[in-house]
Amino acid sequence: MQIIFKKERYILPEKAKFYYKLDYLLRTIMAILTVLGIVSFRFFVLGKQLEYLLFSIIIGLIFIVGGICIWEIVPLKYENYSYSFDKEGITLVRGVFFKVKEFLPYNTIQDVTLEKGPILSKLNLANIKIKGINSVLTIDTIDEELAEEIKENILKERSLYNVEY
C-alpha cells in the first residue's frame, strides 16, 4: 500500500479559522441570551427583584470567558489539531488542554461521509465523518475539494481489504 499523505500537521485555511471564531462568538451570544432570558423571567413573570450588580457580574463574566475563548483558545484549538494517513489507517490528534490521539484502521471503516452546514457551505468547507466498527472520527473544517479527495482515497484504501458492510 502507498502512503496517501505524509505525516505532518494540517494547516487550517483562514476561512476555517474564521469559522471557529464565529462558532465561539455565536455560543457566547447564546449564553448571554440564556442568562438574559432567565433574568427577565424572574423579574417580569415571578416578580422577584434581582440585584443588578449580580446580573452585571454574570454578563461581564460571560463576555470575558467568551472573549478568551474566541481570541486565545480558538487559535490553540487549530494549532493542536492534526491528522495523518498511513498504510495502516487514519490518525487524528486533537485537544487544547487534554490531548486525544485516535486511530482508525482501514479494515474497520464502514462509511465515509461529508457533512456541511449552512455556514460551512458558505465558506466552501466540509467535515469528514469516518465511521468504523467501534468508533467515529471526524476531520473538521477542510476545503471541499480536499475533503472529496480524502474521501475517495480512504474508500480506495478500504477497498484493498475487500470488506463489505
N, C-alpha and C. Protein backbone atom coordinates (compact mmCIF):
# COMPACT_ATOMS: atom_id res chain seq x y z
N MET A 1 0.83 -1.19 0.00
CA MET A 1 0.00 0.00 0.00
C MET A 1 0.87 1.24 0.00
N GLN A 2 0.41 2.27 -0.66
CA GLN A 2 1.16 3.51 -0.70
C GLN A 2 0.68 4.45 0.41
N ILE A 3 1.54 5.34 0.80
CA ILE A 3 1.17 6.33 1.80
C ILE A 3 0.38 7.43 1.10
N ILE A 4 -0.82 7.70 1.61
CA ILE A 4 -1.68 8.68 0.96
C ILE A 4 -1.14 10.10 1.18
N PHE A 5 -0.88 10.44 2.42
CA PHE A 5 -0.33 11.74 2.77
C PHE A 5 0.81 11.54 3.75
N LYS A 6 1.76 12.45 3.72
CA LYS A 6 2.83 12.40 4.71
C LYS A 6 2.27 12.75 6.08
N LYS A 7 2.95 12.27 7.12
CA LYS A 7 2.55 12.64 8.47
C LYS A 7 3.06 14.04 8.77
N GLU A 8 2.18 14.99 8.75
CA GLU A 8 2.55 16.35 9.10
C GLU A 8 1.31 17.06 9.60
N ARG A 9 1.54 18.17 10.30
CA ARG A 9 0.44 18.92 10.88
C ARG A 9 -0.35 19.59 9.77
N TYR A 10 -1.66 19.50 9.87
CA TYR A 10 -2.54 20.13 8.89
C TYR A 10 -2.69 21.61 9.23
N ILE A 11 -2.43 22.46 8.28
CA ILE A 11 -2.59 23.90 8.46
C ILE A 11 -3.99 24.28 7.99
N LEU A 12 -4.79 24.77 8.91
CA LEU A 12 -6.15 25.15 8.56
C LEU A 12 -6.15 26.40 7.68
N PRO A 13 -7.04 26.44 6.70
CA PRO A 13 -7.16 27.65 5.90
C PRO A 13 -7.75 28.79 6.74
N GLU A 14 -7.55 30.01 6.31
CA GLU A 14 -8.03 31.18 7.06
C GLU A 14 -9.54 31.15 7.24
N LYS A 15 -10.27 30.64 6.24
CA LYS A 15 -11.73 30.61 6.38
C LYS A 15 -12.16 29.61 7.45
N ALA A 16 -11.37 28.57 7.71
CA ALA A 16 -11.68 27.63 8.79
C ALA A 16 -11.44 28.30 10.14
N LYS A 17 -10.39 29.10 10.23
CA LYS A 17 -10.13 29.83 11.47
C LYS A 17 -11.27 30.82 11.74
N PHE A 18 -11.74 31.47 10.67
CA PHE A 18 -12.88 32.38 10.80
C PHE A 18 -14.11 31.62 11.28
N TYR A 19 -14.32 30.41 10.77
CA TYR A 19 -15.47 29.60 11.18
C TYR A 19 -15.41 29.28 12.67
N TYR A 20 -14.23 28.89 13.17
CA TYR A 20 -14.10 28.58 14.59
C TYR A 20 -14.39 29.81 15.46
N LYS A 21 -13.88 30.97 15.05
CA LYS A 21 -14.14 32.18 15.83
C LYS A 21 -15.62 32.54 15.79
N LEU A 22 -16.25 32.41 14.65
CA LEU A 22 -17.68 32.67 14.53
C LEU A 22 -18.48 31.70 15.38
N ASP A 23 -18.08 30.44 15.40
CA ASP A 23 -18.75 29.43 16.21
C ASP A 23 -18.72 29.80 17.69
N TYR A 24 -17.55 30.16 18.19
CA TYR A 24 -17.44 30.54 19.60
C TYR A 24 -18.17 31.84 19.89
N LEU A 25 -18.18 32.78 18.95
CA LEU A 25 -18.92 34.02 19.14
C LEU A 25 -20.42 33.73 19.26
N LEU A 26 -20.94 32.87 18.39
CA LEU A 26 -22.36 32.52 18.46
C LEU A 26 -22.70 31.79 19.76
N ARG A 27 -21.80 30.94 20.23
CA ARG A 27 -22.03 30.25 21.51
C ARG A 27 -22.05 31.25 22.67
N THR A 28 -21.18 32.24 22.62
CA THR A 28 -21.16 33.26 23.67
C THR A 28 -22.46 34.06 23.65
N ILE A 29 -22.92 34.43 22.48
CA ILE A 29 -24.17 35.18 22.36
C ILE A 29 -25.33 34.34 22.88
N MET A 30 -25.34 33.05 22.58
CA MET A 30 -26.41 32.18 23.09
C MET A 30 -26.38 32.10 24.61
N ALA A 31 -25.19 32.05 25.20
CA ALA A 31 -25.08 32.01 26.66
C ALA A 31 -25.62 33.31 27.27
N ILE A 32 -25.29 34.44 26.66
CA ILE A 32 -25.78 35.72 27.16
C ILE A 32 -27.29 35.80 27.03
N LEU A 33 -27.84 35.37 25.90
CA LEU A 33 -29.29 35.39 25.72
C LEU A 33 -30.00 34.48 26.71
N THR A 34 -29.38 33.35 27.04
CA THR A 34 -29.96 32.45 28.03
C THR A 34 -30.02 33.12 29.40
N VAL A 35 -28.93 33.76 29.80
CA VAL A 35 -28.92 34.46 31.09
C VAL A 35 -29.93 35.60 31.08
N LEU A 36 -30.00 36.35 30.00
CA LEU A 36 -30.98 37.43 29.90
C LEU A 36 -32.41 36.89 29.99
N GLY A 37 -32.67 35.76 29.36
CA GLY A 37 -34.00 35.16 29.42
C GLY A 37 -34.37 34.73 30.83
N ILE A 38 -33.44 34.12 31.53
CA ILE A 38 -33.71 33.68 32.90
C ILE A 38 -33.96 34.89 33.80
N VAL A 39 -33.13 35.91 33.67
CA VAL A 39 -33.29 37.12 34.49
C VAL A 39 -34.60 37.81 34.17
N SER A 40 -34.95 37.93 32.91
CA SER A 40 -36.21 38.56 32.52
C SER A 40 -37.40 37.79 33.06
N PHE A 41 -37.34 36.48 33.00
CA PHE A 41 -38.43 35.65 33.53
C PHE A 41 -38.59 35.88 35.02
N ARG A 42 -37.47 35.85 35.74
CA ARG A 42 -37.54 36.04 37.19
C ARG A 42 -38.06 37.43 37.54
N PHE A 43 -37.64 38.42 36.79
CA PHE A 43 -38.00 39.80 37.13
C PHE A 43 -39.44 40.12 36.74
N PHE A 44 -39.82 39.80 35.49
CA PHE A 44 -41.13 40.21 34.99
C PHE A 44 -42.25 39.23 35.33
N VAL A 45 -42.00 37.94 35.25
CA VAL A 45 -43.07 36.96 35.48
C VAL A 45 -43.21 36.62 36.96
N LEU A 46 -42.11 36.30 37.61
CA LEU A 46 -42.18 35.91 39.01
C LEU A 46 -42.19 37.11 39.95
N GLY A 47 -41.85 38.26 39.44
CA GLY A 47 -41.88 39.47 40.25
C GLY A 47 -40.78 39.53 41.29
N LYS A 48 -39.76 38.72 41.15
CA LYS A 48 -38.67 38.72 42.12
C LYS A 48 -37.64 39.76 41.72
N GLN A 49 -37.24 40.54 42.70
CA GLN A 49 -36.22 41.56 42.44
C GLN A 49 -34.86 40.89 42.38
N LEU A 50 -34.14 41.23 41.37
CA LEU A 50 -32.79 40.68 41.20
C LEU A 50 -31.81 41.82 41.29
N GLU A 51 -30.78 41.63 42.04
CA GLU A 51 -29.80 42.70 42.17
C GLU A 51 -29.08 42.87 40.83
N TYR A 52 -29.08 44.11 40.37
CA TYR A 52 -28.48 44.38 39.07
C TYR A 52 -26.97 44.20 39.08
N LEU A 53 -26.36 44.33 40.26
CA LEU A 53 -24.92 44.11 40.36
C LEU A 53 -24.58 42.67 40.04
N LEU A 54 -25.34 41.72 40.59
CA LEU A 54 -25.11 40.31 40.32
C LEU A 54 -25.33 40.01 38.83
N PHE A 55 -26.39 40.58 38.28
CA PHE A 55 -26.67 40.40 36.87
C PHE A 55 -25.53 40.94 36.00
N SER A 56 -25.04 42.12 36.34
CA SER A 56 -23.93 42.71 35.58
C SER A 56 -22.67 41.87 35.68
N ILE A 57 -22.41 41.31 36.85
CA ILE A 57 -21.23 40.46 37.02
C ILE A 57 -21.34 39.21 36.16
N ILE A 58 -22.51 38.59 36.13
CA ILE A 58 -22.70 37.38 35.33
C ILE A 58 -22.50 37.68 33.84
N ILE A 59 -23.13 38.73 33.35
CA ILE A 59 -22.98 39.10 31.94
C ILE A 59 -21.53 39.45 31.63
N GLY A 60 -20.88 40.19 32.52
CA GLY A 60 -19.47 40.53 32.33
C GLY A 60 -18.58 39.30 32.27
N LEU A 61 -18.83 38.33 33.15
CA LEU A 61 -18.05 37.09 33.14
C LEU A 61 -18.25 36.32 31.84
N ILE A 62 -19.48 36.30 31.35
CA ILE A 62 -19.74 35.60 30.09
C ILE A 62 -18.98 36.29 28.95
N PHE A 63 -18.99 37.62 28.93
CA PHE A 63 -18.23 38.35 27.91
C PHE A 63 -16.74 38.06 28.01
N ILE A 64 -16.22 38.04 29.24
CA ILE A 64 -14.79 37.79 29.42
C ILE A 64 -14.42 36.38 28.98
N VAL A 65 -15.20 35.39 29.43
CA VAL A 65 -14.92 34.00 29.06
C VAL A 65 -15.08 33.81 27.55
N GLY A 66 -16.12 34.41 26.98
CA GLY A 66 -16.31 34.32 25.53
C GLY A 66 -15.16 34.95 24.77
N GLY A 67 -14.70 36.11 25.22
CA GLY A 67 -13.57 36.77 24.57
C GLY A 67 -12.30 35.95 24.67
N ILE A 68 -12.06 35.36 25.84
CA ILE A 68 -10.88 34.50 26.00
C ILE A 68 -10.98 33.30 25.06
N CYS A 69 -12.16 32.71 24.97
CA CYS A 69 -12.33 31.55 24.08
C CYS A 69 -12.08 31.95 22.63
N ILE A 70 -12.64 33.07 22.22
CA ILE A 70 -12.53 33.48 20.83
C ILE A 70 -11.09 33.84 20.46
N TRP A 71 -10.39 34.57 21.30
CA TRP A 71 -9.09 35.10 20.91
C TRP A 71 -7.90 34.30 21.42
N GLU A 72 -8.08 33.46 22.43
CA GLU A 72 -6.95 32.71 22.96
C GLU A 72 -7.09 31.20 22.75
N ILE A 73 -8.25 30.65 23.05
CA ILE A 73 -8.41 29.20 22.99
C ILE A 73 -8.63 28.71 21.57
N VAL A 74 -9.34 29.47 20.75
CA VAL A 74 -9.58 29.04 19.37
C VAL A 74 -8.28 28.85 18.59
N PRO A 75 -7.31 29.79 18.66
CA PRO A 75 -6.04 29.52 17.96
C PRO A 75 -5.33 28.28 18.51
N LEU A 76 -5.44 28.05 19.80
CA LEU A 76 -4.83 26.83 20.37
C LEU A 76 -5.52 25.59 19.82
N LYS A 77 -6.83 25.70 19.57
CA LYS A 77 -7.57 24.55 19.06
C LYS A 77 -7.05 24.13 17.70
N TYR A 78 -6.87 25.06 16.79
CA TYR A 78 -6.41 24.65 15.46
C TYR A 78 -4.91 24.48 15.38
N GLU A 79 -4.15 25.00 16.32
CA GLU A 79 -2.71 24.73 16.34
C GLU A 79 -2.41 23.33 16.87
N ASN A 80 -3.32 22.79 17.69
CA ASN A 80 -3.12 21.47 18.28
C ASN A 80 -3.99 20.41 17.60
N TYR A 81 -4.27 20.60 16.34
CA TYR A 81 -5.14 19.69 15.60
C TYR A 81 -4.36 19.15 14.41
N SER A 82 -4.29 17.84 14.28
CA SER A 82 -3.60 17.26 13.12
C SER A 82 -4.21 15.91 12.79
N TYR A 83 -4.08 15.54 11.55
CA TYR A 83 -4.50 14.21 11.12
C TYR A 83 -3.48 13.71 10.13
N SER A 84 -3.39 12.38 10.03
CA SER A 84 -2.45 11.79 9.08
C SER A 84 -3.00 10.46 8.59
N PHE A 85 -2.53 10.08 7.42
CA PHE A 85 -2.92 8.82 6.80
C PHE A 85 -1.64 8.04 6.54
N ASP A 86 -1.65 6.77 6.91
CA ASP A 86 -0.50 5.93 6.58
C ASP A 86 -1.02 4.62 6.00
N LYS A 87 -0.16 3.64 5.87
CA LYS A 87 -0.57 2.40 5.21
C LYS A 87 -1.50 1.56 6.07
N GLU A 88 -1.62 1.87 7.36
CA GLU A 88 -2.47 1.07 8.25
C GLU A 88 -3.81 1.72 8.56
N GLY A 89 -3.85 3.04 8.60
CA GLY A 89 -5.10 3.70 8.94
C GLY A 89 -4.97 5.20 9.09
N ILE A 90 -5.93 5.77 9.78
CA ILE A 90 -6.05 7.21 9.94
C ILE A 90 -5.79 7.56 11.40
N THR A 91 -4.97 8.57 11.62
CA THR A 91 -4.68 9.04 12.97
C THR A 91 -5.13 10.48 13.09
N LEU A 92 -5.84 10.78 14.18
CA LEU A 92 -6.32 12.13 14.45
C LEU A 92 -5.83 12.52 15.84
N VAL A 93 -5.16 13.67 15.93
CA VAL A 93 -4.68 14.19 17.21
C VAL A 93 -5.32 15.55 17.42
N ARG A 94 -5.95 15.73 18.58
CA ARG A 94 -6.62 17.00 18.86
C ARG A 94 -6.61 17.25 20.36
N GLY A 95 -6.95 18.46 20.73
CA GLY A 95 -7.08 18.79 22.13
C GLY A 95 -6.24 19.98 22.53
N VAL A 96 -6.83 20.86 23.33
CA VAL A 96 -6.13 22.03 23.82
C VAL A 96 -5.54 21.73 25.19
N PHE A 97 -6.39 21.34 26.12
CA PHE A 97 -5.93 21.06 27.48
C PHE A 97 -5.59 19.60 27.67
N PHE A 98 -6.32 18.72 27.01
CA PHE A 98 -6.07 17.29 27.08
C PHE A 98 -5.92 16.76 25.66
N LYS A 99 -4.78 16.18 25.36
CA LYS A 99 -4.52 15.64 24.03
C LYS A 99 -5.22 14.29 23.88
N VAL A 100 -5.85 14.11 22.74
CA VAL A 100 -6.51 12.86 22.40
C VAL A 100 -5.94 12.39 21.07
N LYS A 101 -5.48 11.16 21.03
CA LYS A 101 -4.97 10.58 19.79
C LYS A 101 -5.87 9.40 19.45
N GLU A 102 -6.52 9.49 18.30
CA GLU A 102 -7.43 8.44 17.86
C GLU A 102 -6.88 7.80 16.60
N PHE A 103 -7.04 6.49 16.50
CA PHE A 103 -6.56 5.76 15.33
C PHE A 103 -7.69 4.88 14.83
N LEU A 104 -7.90 4.88 13.53
CA LEU A 104 -8.94 4.06 12.91
C LEU A 104 -8.31 3.29 11.75
N PRO A 105 -8.18 1.96 11.88
CA PRO A 105 -7.60 1.16 10.78
C PRO A 105 -8.54 1.13 9.57
N TYR A 106 -7.95 1.02 8.39
CA TYR A 106 -8.74 0.99 7.16
C TYR A 106 -9.69 -0.21 7.12
N ASN A 107 -9.27 -1.34 7.67
CA ASN A 107 -10.11 -2.54 7.57
C ASN A 107 -11.34 -2.48 8.46
N THR A 108 -11.46 -1.46 9.33
CA THR A 108 -12.66 -1.34 10.17
C THR A 108 -13.60 -0.23 9.69
N ILE A 109 -13.22 0.49 8.64
CA ILE A 109 -14.04 1.61 8.17
C ILE A 109 -15.28 1.08 7.45
N GLN A 110 -16.43 1.60 7.87
CA GLN A 110 -17.70 1.20 7.27
C GLN A 110 -18.26 2.27 6.33
N ASP A 111 -18.11 3.54 6.71
CA ASP A 111 -18.73 4.60 5.93
C ASP A 111 -17.91 5.88 6.05
N VAL A 112 -17.86 6.63 4.97
CA VAL A 112 -17.19 7.94 4.95
C VAL A 112 -18.19 8.93 4.36
N THR A 113 -18.53 9.95 5.13
CA THR A 113 -19.49 10.94 4.65
C THR A 113 -18.94 12.35 4.84
N LEU A 114 -19.39 13.24 3.98
CA LEU A 114 -19.05 14.66 4.10
C LEU A 114 -20.24 15.38 4.71
N GLU A 115 -19.96 16.21 5.70
CA GLU A 115 -21.02 16.97 6.36
C GLU A 115 -20.77 18.46 6.13
N LYS A 116 -21.84 19.17 5.77
CA LYS A 116 -21.74 20.61 5.58
C LYS A 116 -23.00 21.25 6.12
N GLY A 117 -22.82 22.22 6.99
CA GLY A 117 -23.93 23.03 7.45
C GLY A 117 -24.02 24.28 6.60
N PRO A 118 -24.94 25.18 6.93
CA PRO A 118 -25.09 26.39 6.11
C PRO A 118 -23.86 27.29 6.15
N ILE A 119 -23.21 27.41 7.31
CA ILE A 119 -22.03 28.28 7.39
C ILE A 119 -20.85 27.62 6.69
N LEU A 120 -20.68 26.32 6.89
CA LEU A 120 -19.59 25.61 6.21
C LEU A 120 -19.76 25.66 4.69
N SER A 121 -21.00 25.53 4.22
CA SER A 121 -21.25 25.60 2.77
C SER A 121 -20.89 26.98 2.22
N LYS A 122 -21.23 28.01 2.96
CA LYS A 122 -20.93 29.37 2.52
C LYS A 122 -19.42 29.60 2.42
N LEU A 123 -18.65 28.95 3.32
CA LEU A 123 -17.20 29.11 3.33
C LEU A 123 -16.48 28.05 2.49
N ASN A 124 -17.25 27.19 1.79
CA ASN A 124 -16.69 26.09 0.99
C ASN A 124 -15.81 25.15 1.82
N LEU A 125 -16.31 24.80 3.00
CA LEU A 125 -15.63 23.87 3.89
C LEU A 125 -16.52 22.67 4.12
N ALA A 126 -15.93 21.60 4.61
CA ALA A 126 -16.69 20.39 4.92
C ALA A 126 -16.03 19.65 6.07
N ASN A 127 -16.81 18.86 6.78
CA ASN A 127 -16.31 17.94 7.79
C ASN A 127 -16.39 16.53 7.21
N ILE A 128 -15.38 15.72 7.48
CA ILE A 128 -15.40 14.33 7.03
C ILE A 128 -15.69 13.45 8.23
N LYS A 129 -16.77 12.69 8.16
CA LYS A 129 -17.11 11.76 9.23
C LYS A 129 -16.79 10.35 8.76
N ILE A 130 -15.88 9.70 9.48
CA ILE A 130 -15.42 8.36 9.13
C ILE A 130 -15.91 7.40 10.20
N LYS A 131 -16.85 6.53 9.82
CA LYS A 131 -17.43 5.59 10.77
C LYS A 131 -16.71 4.26 10.68
N GLY A 132 -16.25 3.80 11.81
CA GLY A 132 -15.62 2.49 11.89
C GLY A 132 -16.52 1.53 12.64
N ILE A 133 -16.03 0.33 12.89
CA ILE A 133 -16.83 -0.65 13.61
C ILE A 133 -17.09 -0.19 15.03
N ASN A 134 -16.07 0.31 15.71
CA ASN A 134 -16.21 0.68 17.11
C ASN A 134 -16.11 2.17 17.38
N SER A 135 -15.77 2.97 16.41
CA SER A 135 -15.57 4.39 16.68
C SER A 135 -15.89 5.24 15.46
N VAL A 136 -15.93 6.53 15.70
CA VAL A 136 -16.18 7.50 14.64
C VAL A 136 -15.12 8.60 14.75
N LEU A 137 -14.48 8.91 13.64
CA LEU A 137 -13.54 10.02 13.57
C LEU A 137 -14.16 11.12 12.73
N THR A 138 -13.98 12.35 13.16
CA THR A 138 -14.44 13.49 12.37
C THR A 138 -13.28 14.43 12.13
N ILE A 139 -12.97 14.65 10.88
CA ILE A 139 -11.94 15.60 10.49
C ILE A 139 -12.67 16.89 10.13
N ASP A 140 -12.39 17.94 10.89
CA ASP A 140 -13.17 19.17 10.81
C ASP A 140 -12.58 20.20 9.85
N THR A 141 -13.46 20.98 9.28
CA THR A 141 -13.19 22.20 8.51
C THR A 141 -12.06 22.07 7.50
N ILE A 142 -12.33 21.29 6.48
CA ILE A 142 -11.38 21.09 5.38
C ILE A 142 -12.00 21.68 4.12
N ASP A 143 -11.16 22.18 3.23
CA ASP A 143 -11.67 22.65 1.94
C ASP A 143 -12.45 21.53 1.26
N GLU A 144 -13.53 21.92 0.58
CA GLU A 144 -14.42 20.92 -0.04
C GLU A 144 -13.69 20.01 -1.02
N GLU A 145 -12.83 20.58 -1.85
CA GLU A 145 -12.13 19.77 -2.85
C GLU A 145 -11.20 18.77 -2.17
N LEU A 146 -10.48 19.22 -1.15
CA LEU A 146 -9.59 18.34 -0.41
C LEU A 146 -10.38 17.26 0.32
N ALA A 147 -11.55 17.62 0.84
CA ALA A 147 -12.39 16.65 1.54
C ALA A 147 -12.86 15.55 0.58
N GLU A 148 -13.24 15.93 -0.63
CA GLU A 148 -13.64 14.93 -1.63
C GLU A 148 -12.48 14.00 -1.97
N GLU A 149 -11.29 14.58 -2.13
CA GLU A 149 -10.11 13.79 -2.45
C GLU A 149 -9.77 12.82 -1.31
N ILE A 150 -9.85 13.31 -0.09
CA ILE A 150 -9.57 12.45 1.08
C ILE A 150 -10.59 11.32 1.15
N LYS A 151 -11.86 11.64 0.92
CA LYS A 151 -12.90 10.61 0.96
C LYS A 151 -12.63 9.53 -0.07
N GLU A 152 -12.31 9.92 -1.30
CA GLU A 152 -12.01 8.94 -2.35
C GLU A 152 -10.81 8.08 -1.99
N ASN A 153 -9.76 8.70 -1.44
CA ASN A 153 -8.56 7.94 -1.06
C ASN A 153 -8.84 6.97 0.07
N ILE A 154 -9.65 7.38 1.03
CA ILE A 154 -9.99 6.48 2.14
C ILE A 154 -10.79 5.29 1.62
N LEU A 155 -11.77 5.55 0.76
CA LEU A 155 -12.57 4.45 0.22
C LEU A 155 -11.72 3.53 -0.65
N LYS A 156 -10.76 4.10 -1.37
CA LYS A 156 -9.86 3.28 -2.19
C LYS A 156 -8.99 2.40 -1.30
N GLU A 157 -8.45 2.95 -0.23
CA GLU A 157 -7.63 2.16 0.70
C GLU A 157 -8.47 1.09 1.39
N ARG A 158 -9.70 1.44 1.75
CA ARG A 158 -10.58 0.47 2.40
C ARG A 158 -10.90 -0.68 1.46
N SER A 159 -11.06 -0.39 0.17
CA SER A 159 -11.42 -1.44 -0.79
C SER A 159 -10.31 -2.47 -0.96
N LEU A 160 -9.09 -2.14 -0.59
CA LEU A 160 -8.00 -3.11 -0.67
C LEU A 160 -8.19 -4.27 0.31
N TYR A 161 -9.00 -4.06 1.32
CA TYR A 161 -9.25 -5.11 2.32
C TYR A 161 -10.44 -5.98 1.94
N ASN A 162 -11.16 -5.64 0.88
CA ASN A 162 -12.32 -6.41 0.41
C ASN A 162 -13.33 -6.64 1.52
N VAL A 163 -13.66 -5.59 2.23
CA VAL A 163 -14.61 -5.67 3.33
C VAL A 163 -15.94 -5.14 2.83
N GLU A 164 -16.99 -5.91 3.01
CA GLU A 164 -18.34 -5.49 2.61
C GLU A 164 -19.20 -5.33 3.85
N TYR A 165 -19.90 -4.22 3.94
CA TYR A 165 -20.81 -3.97 5.06
C TYR A 165 -22.19 -3.72 4.54
